[in-house]
Amino acid sequence: MAKRFLHHLSPALWARSLAVYGSGRLWQEVGYQAGRSRWAEVGAAIAFLWLLGCLGLSFVLLQLNQTHALSLAIVGPARELQSILAIADPVANNSPPSLWGLGIVGLGAWLCLVGGTQKLVQLVATVYSSGTSQPADWRSRLLPWGLTGLGLGITGLVFAVMDRGASVAQTGLAQGMGLLGRWVLALGIIALGVGLGYRLIPRRWTPGQPLWPGVRIVLIFGLGLLGLREWGVSWLARQDLAYALLPVLGLNLLILYGLILLVPVGAQINVSTLRHRGLPSRPWGAPAAAPPPPSFDSFKIKRRD
């Protein structure tokens, strides 16, 4: 087992795995599939549905947190969304919303989240089925519900991991190591969730189909988008804007839109990696190599004795 672990840490193996992303044909197929399946339009619809669902679910959780002390894994994402949108805390009054009303709002929010997830599942399934639509069955109807619950669970777990470590008083090297460990654990949880989604969505799994090329793209570019968001929010906070909430909301929507589009991009990279495995790579824009001319022996006519 130790030998296998060291093999995965080999620089040559990492160089070969990262060289996949330099293939021009791979990115051409990503662009072709994006236009064919209308990723831009569907991604905007997913972002809208998820935003409605997150707002409704956050409202329900913040209201319930006033009367029931909810755990950080449950109320943490709601508080993060509250701080992002600069929403005031719910006013404590003698007549809080009824449980029936909160239940209706929560059900509507859940249906919005499931609707957005269903559209995302259809995008990824189209990628793995080479652009052909598959007939709906019980599995395709239940999968968005399960993936929505999985996504909410992973989000709460990541918030709990990051906040629990931050609440421990540490200084110096211990603080740096603790922060690094929390980031590694959070990224590992997200990577497992994305990989599990890629594995569950296709109805028929092709033998040898890779998972991690697409997962790495989602993690790397996802971290880049989140870093861009942090920089953009801090830059907007330093500006003297009359309506600072609007550009902050627009920035967060753009980041959410980019994160959504990364999921089908990763799926297409997995499919293209399997298709071009073992083929010689060529630079971007270079014409494809012509096949060798037929040999002279192929024109010989064999005589019968």
Protein backbone atom coordinates (compact mmCIF):
# COMPACT_ATOMS: atom_id res chain seq x y z
CA MET A 1 0.00 0.00 0.00
CA ALA A 2 2.87 2.36 0.78
CA LYS A 3 4.36 1.70 -2.65
CA ARG A 4 1.04 2.48 -4.31
CA PHE A 5 0.73 5.70 -2.27
CA LEU A 6 4.24 6.79 -3.30
CA HIS A 7 3.38 6.00 -6.91
CA HIS A 8 0.51 8.52 -6.80
CA LEU A 9 2.96 11.13 -5.44
CA SER A 10 5.37 10.62 -8.35
CA PRO A 11 6.19 13.91 -10.16
CA ALA A 12 6.11 12.09 -13.51
CA LEU A 13 2.56 10.89 -12.84
CA TRP A 14 1.44 14.40 -11.88
CA ALA A 15 3.14 15.84 -14.98
CA ARG A 16 1.33 13.38 -17.25
CA SER A 17 -2.01 14.05 -15.56
CA LEU A 18 -1.62 17.83 -15.83
CA ALA A 19 -0.47 17.59 -19.46
CA VAL A 20 -4.00 16.47 -20.35
CA TYR A 21 -5.26 20.04 -19.94
CA GLY A 22 -2.87 21.32 -22.62
CA SER A 23 -4.62 19.45 -25.42
CA GLY A 24 -6.26 21.76 -27.92
CA ARG A 25 -8.70 19.11 -29.08
CA LEU A 26 -9.96 18.70 -25.52
CA TRP A 27 -10.88 22.36 -25.12
CA GLN A 28 -12.38 22.46 -28.62
CA GLU A 29 -14.73 19.67 -27.60
CA VAL A 30 -15.62 21.57 -24.42
CA GLY A 31 -16.54 24.64 -26.45
CA TYR A 32 -18.51 22.60 -28.98
CA GLN A 33 -20.51 20.81 -26.29
CA ALA A 34 -21.15 24.10 -24.46
CA GLY A 35 -22.72 25.62 -27.55
CA ARG A 36 -24.60 22.47 -28.52
CA SER A 37 -26.20 21.96 -25.10
CA ARG A 38 -26.67 25.71 -24.38
CA TRP A 39 -24.70 25.71 -21.16
CA ALA A 40 -24.92 29.51 -20.86
CA GLU A 41 -28.74 29.65 -20.89
CA VAL A 42 -29.24 26.58 -18.72
CA GLY A 43 -26.57 27.76 -16.26
CA ALA A 44 -28.40 31.07 -15.83
CA ALA A 45 -31.65 29.22 -15.09
CA ILE A 46 -29.87 27.02 -12.55
CA ALA A 47 -28.34 30.05 -10.82
CA PHE A 48 -31.77 31.73 -10.60
CA LEU A 49 -33.45 28.63 -9.13
CA TRP A 50 -30.63 28.02 -6.66
CA LEU A 51 -30.68 31.66 -5.55
CA LEU A 52 -34.41 31.49 -4.84
CA GLY A 53 -33.97 28.19 -3.02
CA CYS A 54 -31.07 29.44 -0.91
CA LEU A 55 -32.92 32.63 0.04
CA GLY A 56 -36.04 30.73 1.08
CA LEU A 57 -34.13 28.07 2.98
CA SER A 58 -31.99 30.69 4.73
CA PHE A 59 -35.12 32.56 5.82
CA VAL A 60 -36.57 29.39 7.33
CA LEU A 61 -33.35 28.45 9.13
CA LEU A 62 -32.78 31.93 10.54
CA GLN A 63 -36.35 32.05 11.84
CA LEU A 64 -36.06 28.61 13.42
CA ASN A 65 -32.72 29.54 14.97
CA GLN A 66 -34.48 32.16 17.11
CA THR A 67 -36.55 29.56 18.93
CA HIS A 68 -34.41 26.45 18.44
CA ALA A 69 -30.64 26.57 18.85
CA LEU A 70 -29.61 25.00 15.55
CA SER A 71 -26.15 23.55 15.05
CA LEU A 72 -23.54 25.42 13.04
CA ALA A 73 -23.62 22.85 10.24
CA ILE A 74 -27.30 23.75 9.67
CA VAL A 75 -27.43 27.49 10.25
CA GLY A 76 -23.86 28.32 9.13
CA PRO A 77 -24.56 28.54 5.38
CA ALA A 78 -27.67 30.62 6.09
CA ARG A 79 -25.65 33.12 8.14
CA GLU A 80 -23.01 33.28 5.39
CA LEU A 81 -25.68 34.11 2.82
CA GLN A 82 -27.11 36.69 5.24
CA SER A 83 -23.72 38.41 5.53
CA ILE A 84 -23.13 38.26 1.75
CA LEU A 85 -26.43 39.97 0.96
CA ALA A 86 -26.26 42.29 4.00
CA ILE A 87 -29.62 41.05 5.27
CA ALA A 88 -30.63 42.27 8.72
CA ASP A 89 -31.24 39.78 11.51
CA PRO A 90 -34.85 38.67 11.95
CA VAL A 91 -36.70 40.87 14.39
CA ALA A 92 -37.61 39.00 17.55
CA ASN A 93 -41.32 39.53 18.21
CA ASN A 94 -44.09 37.88 20.11
CA SER A 95 -45.73 36.46 16.97
CA PRO A 96 -43.09 34.62 14.93
CA PRO A 97 -44.12 32.96 11.66
CA SER A 98 -46.12 29.80 12.14
CA LEU A 99 -44.56 26.42 11.49
CA TRP A 100 -47.05 25.89 8.67
CA GLY A 101 -45.89 29.06 6.96
CA LEU A 102 -42.23 28.17 7.42
CA GLY A 103 -42.96 24.69 6.12
CA ILE A 104 -44.55 26.05 2.95
CA VAL A 105 -41.62 28.43 2.36
CA GLY A 106 -39.14 25.62 3.04
CA LEU A 107 -40.94 23.28 0.64
CA GLY A 108 -40.91 25.91 -2.10
CA ALA A 109 -37.21 26.56 -1.49
CA TRP A 110 -36.46 22.84 -1.61
CA LEU A 111 -38.35 22.45 -4.91
CA CYS A 112 -36.36 25.35 -6.39
CA LEU A 113 -33.09 23.71 -5.35
CA VAL A 114 -34.19 20.35 -6.76
CA GLY A 115 -35.31 22.00 -10.01
CA GLY A 116 -31.91 23.63 -10.47
CA THR A 117 -30.12 20.39 -9.64
CA GLN A 118 -32.27 18.51 -12.15
CA LYS A 119 -31.20 20.89 -14.92
CA LEU A 120 -27.56 20.44 -13.92
CA VAL A 121 -27.93 16.66 -13.88
CA GLN A 122 -29.41 16.80 -17.39
CA LEU A 123 -26.41 18.81 -18.61
CA VAL A 124 -23.91 16.33 -17.19
CA ALA A 125 -25.94 13.33 -18.37
CA THR A 126 -25.99 14.75 -21.91
CA VAL A 127 -22.20 15.06 -21.81
CA TYR A 128 -21.72 11.44 -20.73
CA SER A 129 -24.28 10.16 -23.27
CA SER A 130 -22.49 11.92 -26.18
CA GLY A 131 -25.27 14.44 -26.71
CA THR A 132 -28.17 11.99 -26.91
CA SER A 133 -31.11 12.46 -24.56
CA GLN A 134 -32.08 9.49 -22.41
CA PRO A 135 -35.70 8.57 -21.55
CA ALA A 136 -36.71 9.45 -18.00
CA ASP A 137 -37.11 6.64 -15.48
CA TRP A 138 -37.42 6.38 -11.69
CA ARG A 139 -33.66 6.69 -11.24
CA SER A 140 -33.38 9.93 -13.22
CA ARG A 141 -36.33 11.37 -11.27
CA LEU A 142 -34.96 10.53 -7.82
CA LEU A 143 -31.31 11.39 -8.52
CA PRO A 144 -31.75 15.21 -8.34
CA TRP A 145 -33.41 14.85 -4.93
CA GLY A 146 -30.53 12.78 -3.60
CA LEU A 147 -27.85 15.04 -5.08
CA THR A 148 -29.57 18.12 -3.65
CA GLY A 149 -29.51 16.58 -0.18
CA LEU A 150 -25.89 15.53 -0.71
CA GLY A 151 -24.92 19.05 -1.74
CA LEU A 152 -26.60 20.62 1.28
CA GLY A 153 -24.95 18.09 3.57
CA ILE A 154 -21.51 18.74 2.10
CA THR A 155 -22.03 22.51 2.40
CA GLY A 156 -22.97 22.23 6.07
CA LEU A 157 -20.08 19.86 6.78
CA VAL A 158 -17.55 22.18 5.13
CA PHE A 159 -18.84 25.17 7.13
CA ALA A 160 -18.66 23.15 10.34
CA VAL A 161 -15.08 22.03 9.63
CA MET A 162 -13.83 25.51 8.78
CA ASP A 163 -15.56 27.27 11.68
CA ARG A 164 -14.76 24.68 14.34
CA GLY A 165 -11.07 24.91 13.62
CA ALA A 166 -11.19 28.70 13.54
CA SER A 167 -12.81 28.82 16.97
CA VAL A 168 -9.83 27.06 18.58
CA ALA A 169 -7.30 29.54 19.97
CA GLN A 170 -3.95 28.82 18.29
CA THR A 171 -0.92 30.90 17.48
CA GLY A 172 2.11 30.67 15.24
CA LEU A 173 2.91 27.44 13.47
CA ALA A 174 0.01 25.56 15.05
CA GLN A 175 -2.43 28.09 13.62
CA GLY A 176 -0.95 27.78 10.14
CA MET A 177 -0.95 23.99 10.24
CA GLY A 178 -4.51 23.94 11.54
CA LEU A 179 -5.66 26.26 8.76
CA LEU A 180 -3.90 24.13 6.14
CA GLY A 181 -5.44 20.97 7.56
CA ARG A 182 -8.93 22.48 7.51
CA TRP A 183 -8.52 23.56 3.89
CA VAL A 184 -7.24 20.15 2.84
CA LEU A 185 -10.12 18.42 4.62
CA ALA A 186 -12.69 20.79 3.12
CA LEU A 187 -11.27 20.37 -0.39
CA GLY A 188 -11.22 16.60 0.06
CA ILE A 189 -14.89 16.59 1.06
CA ILE A 190 -15.83 18.73 -1.95
CA ALA A 191 -13.73 16.58 -4.30
CA LEU A 192 -15.42 13.41 -3.07
CA GLY A 193 -18.84 15.00 -3.51
CA VAL A 194 -18.11 16.14 -7.08
CA GLY A 195 -16.57 12.78 -7.97
CA LEU A 196 -19.58 10.95 -6.53
CA GLY A 197 -21.89 13.11 -8.62
CA TYR A 198 -19.91 12.35 -11.79
CA ARG A 199 -20.07 8.65 -10.96
CA LEU A 200 -23.81 8.51 -10.20
CA ILE A 201 -25.20 10.63 -13.03
CA PRO A 202 -24.28 8.42 -16.06
CA ARG A 203 -26.63 5.47 -16.48
CA ARG A 204 -23.95 3.30 -18.03
CA TRP A 205 -20.42 3.71 -16.76
CA THR A 206 -17.74 3.21 -19.41
CA PRO A 207 -14.88 1.00 -18.18
CA GLY A 208 -11.77 3.10 -17.69
CA GLN A 209 -13.72 6.37 -17.56
CA PRO A 210 -11.63 8.83 -15.48
CA LEU A 211 -13.06 10.98 -12.71
CA TRP A 212 -10.24 13.08 -11.37
CA PRO A 213 -9.33 15.20 -14.44
CA GLY A 214 -12.73 16.86 -14.23
CA VAL A 215 -12.70 17.03 -10.43
CA ARG A 216 -9.31 18.78 -10.49
CA ILE A 217 -10.59 21.36 -12.96
CA VAL A 218 -13.61 22.06 -10.74
CA LEU A 219 -11.42 22.46 -7.65
CA ILE A 220 -8.70 24.59 -9.26
CA PHE A 221 -10.96 26.99 -11.11
CA GLY A 222 -13.46 26.97 -8.25
CA LEU A 223 -10.75 28.15 -5.85
CA GLY A 224 -9.78 30.79 -8.38
CA LEU A 225 -13.36 32.06 -8.62
CA LEU A 226 -13.74 32.14 -4.83
CA GLY A 227 -10.46 34.04 -4.53
CA LEU A 228 -11.69 36.50 -7.17
CA ARG A 229 -14.88 36.92 -5.18
CA GLU A 230 -12.99 37.71 -1.97
CA TRP A 231 -10.86 40.28 -3.79
CA GLY A 232 -13.89 41.82 -5.50
CA VAL A 233 -15.92 42.09 -2.30
CA SER A 234 -13.02 43.69 -0.43
CA TRP A 235 -12.42 46.12 -3.30
CA LEU A 236 -16.10 47.11 -3.41
CA ALA A 237 -16.09 47.60 0.36
CA ARG A 238 -13.33 50.22 0.00
CA GLN A 239 -15.31 52.18 -2.58
CA ASP A 240 -17.75 54.90 -1.58
CA LEU A 241 -20.76 53.58 -3.47
CA ALA A 242 -24.31 54.72 -2.83
CA TYR A 243 -25.80 51.29 -3.58
CA ALA A 244 -22.95 48.96 -2.68
CA LEU A 245 -25.29 46.01 -2.18
CA LEU A 246 -26.18 45.81 -5.88
CA PRO A 247 -22.63 45.29 -7.24
CA VAL A 248 -21.89 42.85 -4.40
CA LEU A 249 -25.00 40.87 -5.29
CA GLY A 250 -24.07 40.95 -8.98
CA LEU A 251 -20.55 39.75 -8.23
CA ASN A 252 -21.82 36.85 -6.14
CA LEU A 253 -24.28 35.87 -8.86
CA LEU A 254 -21.50 35.86 -11.46
CA ILE A 255 -19.32 33.68 -9.22
CA LEU A 256 -22.23 31.28 -8.65
CA TYR A 257 -22.83 31.20 -12.41
CA GLY A 258 -19.17 30.36 -13.03
CA LEU A 259 -19.15 27.61 -10.41
CA ILE A 260 -22.23 26.04 -12.01
CA LEU A 261 -20.62 26.02 -15.47
CA LEU A 262 -17.52 24.30 -14.09
CA VAL A 263 -19.52 21.12 -13.41
CA PRO A 264 -20.35 20.26 -17.06
CA VAL A 265 -16.88 21.44 -18.08
CA GLY A 266 -15.35 18.86 -15.74
CA ALA A 267 -17.66 16.16 -17.09
CA GLN A 268 -16.69 16.94 -20.69
CA ILE A 269 -13.01 16.85 -19.75
CA ASN A 270 -13.49 13.38 -18.28
CA VAL A 271 -15.17 12.18 -21.49
CA SER A 272 -12.58 13.80 -23.76
CA THR A 273 -9.71 12.42 -21.69
CA LEU A 274 -10.96 8.88 -22.24
CA ARG A 275 -11.55 9.52 -25.95
CA HIS A 276 -8.06 10.90 -26.59
CA ARG A 277 -6.19 8.61 -24.23
CA GLY A 278 -3.14 7.22 -25.97
CA LEU A 279 -3.40 9.58 -28.95
CA PRO A 280 -0.41 11.84 -29.71
CA SER A 281 -1.01 15.43 -28.67
CA ARG A 282 -0.55 18.38 -31.00
CA PRO A 283 -0.33 22.14 -30.30
CA TRP A 284 -3.40 24.33 -30.27
CA GLY A 285 -4.47 25.26 -33.79
CA ALA A 286 -2.11 22.86 -35.52
CA PRO A 287 -3.65 20.77 -38.31
CA ALA A 288 -4.19 17.10 -37.72
CA ALA A 289 -1.42 14.84 -38.95
CA ALA A 290 -2.19 13.20 -42.29
CA PRO A 291 -2.28 9.40 -42.33
CA PRO A 292 0.70 7.67 -43.94
CA PRO A 293 0.30 6.74 -47.61
CA PRO A 294 -0.53 3.13 -48.43
CA SER A 295 2.41 0.84 -48.91
CA PHE A 296 3.31 -0.69 -52.25
CA ASP A 297 2.56 -4.16 -50.93
CA SER A 298 -1.12 -3.29 -50.60
CA PHE A 299 -1.36 -2.96 -54.40
CA LYS A 300 0.12 -6.37 -55.13
CA ILE A 301 -2.23 -8.91 -56.65
CA LYS A 302 -1.79 -12.34 -55.26
CA ARG A 303 -1.79 -15.01 -57.95
CA ARG A 304 -3.33 -18.36 -57.47
CA ASP A 305 -1.16 -21.34 -58.22
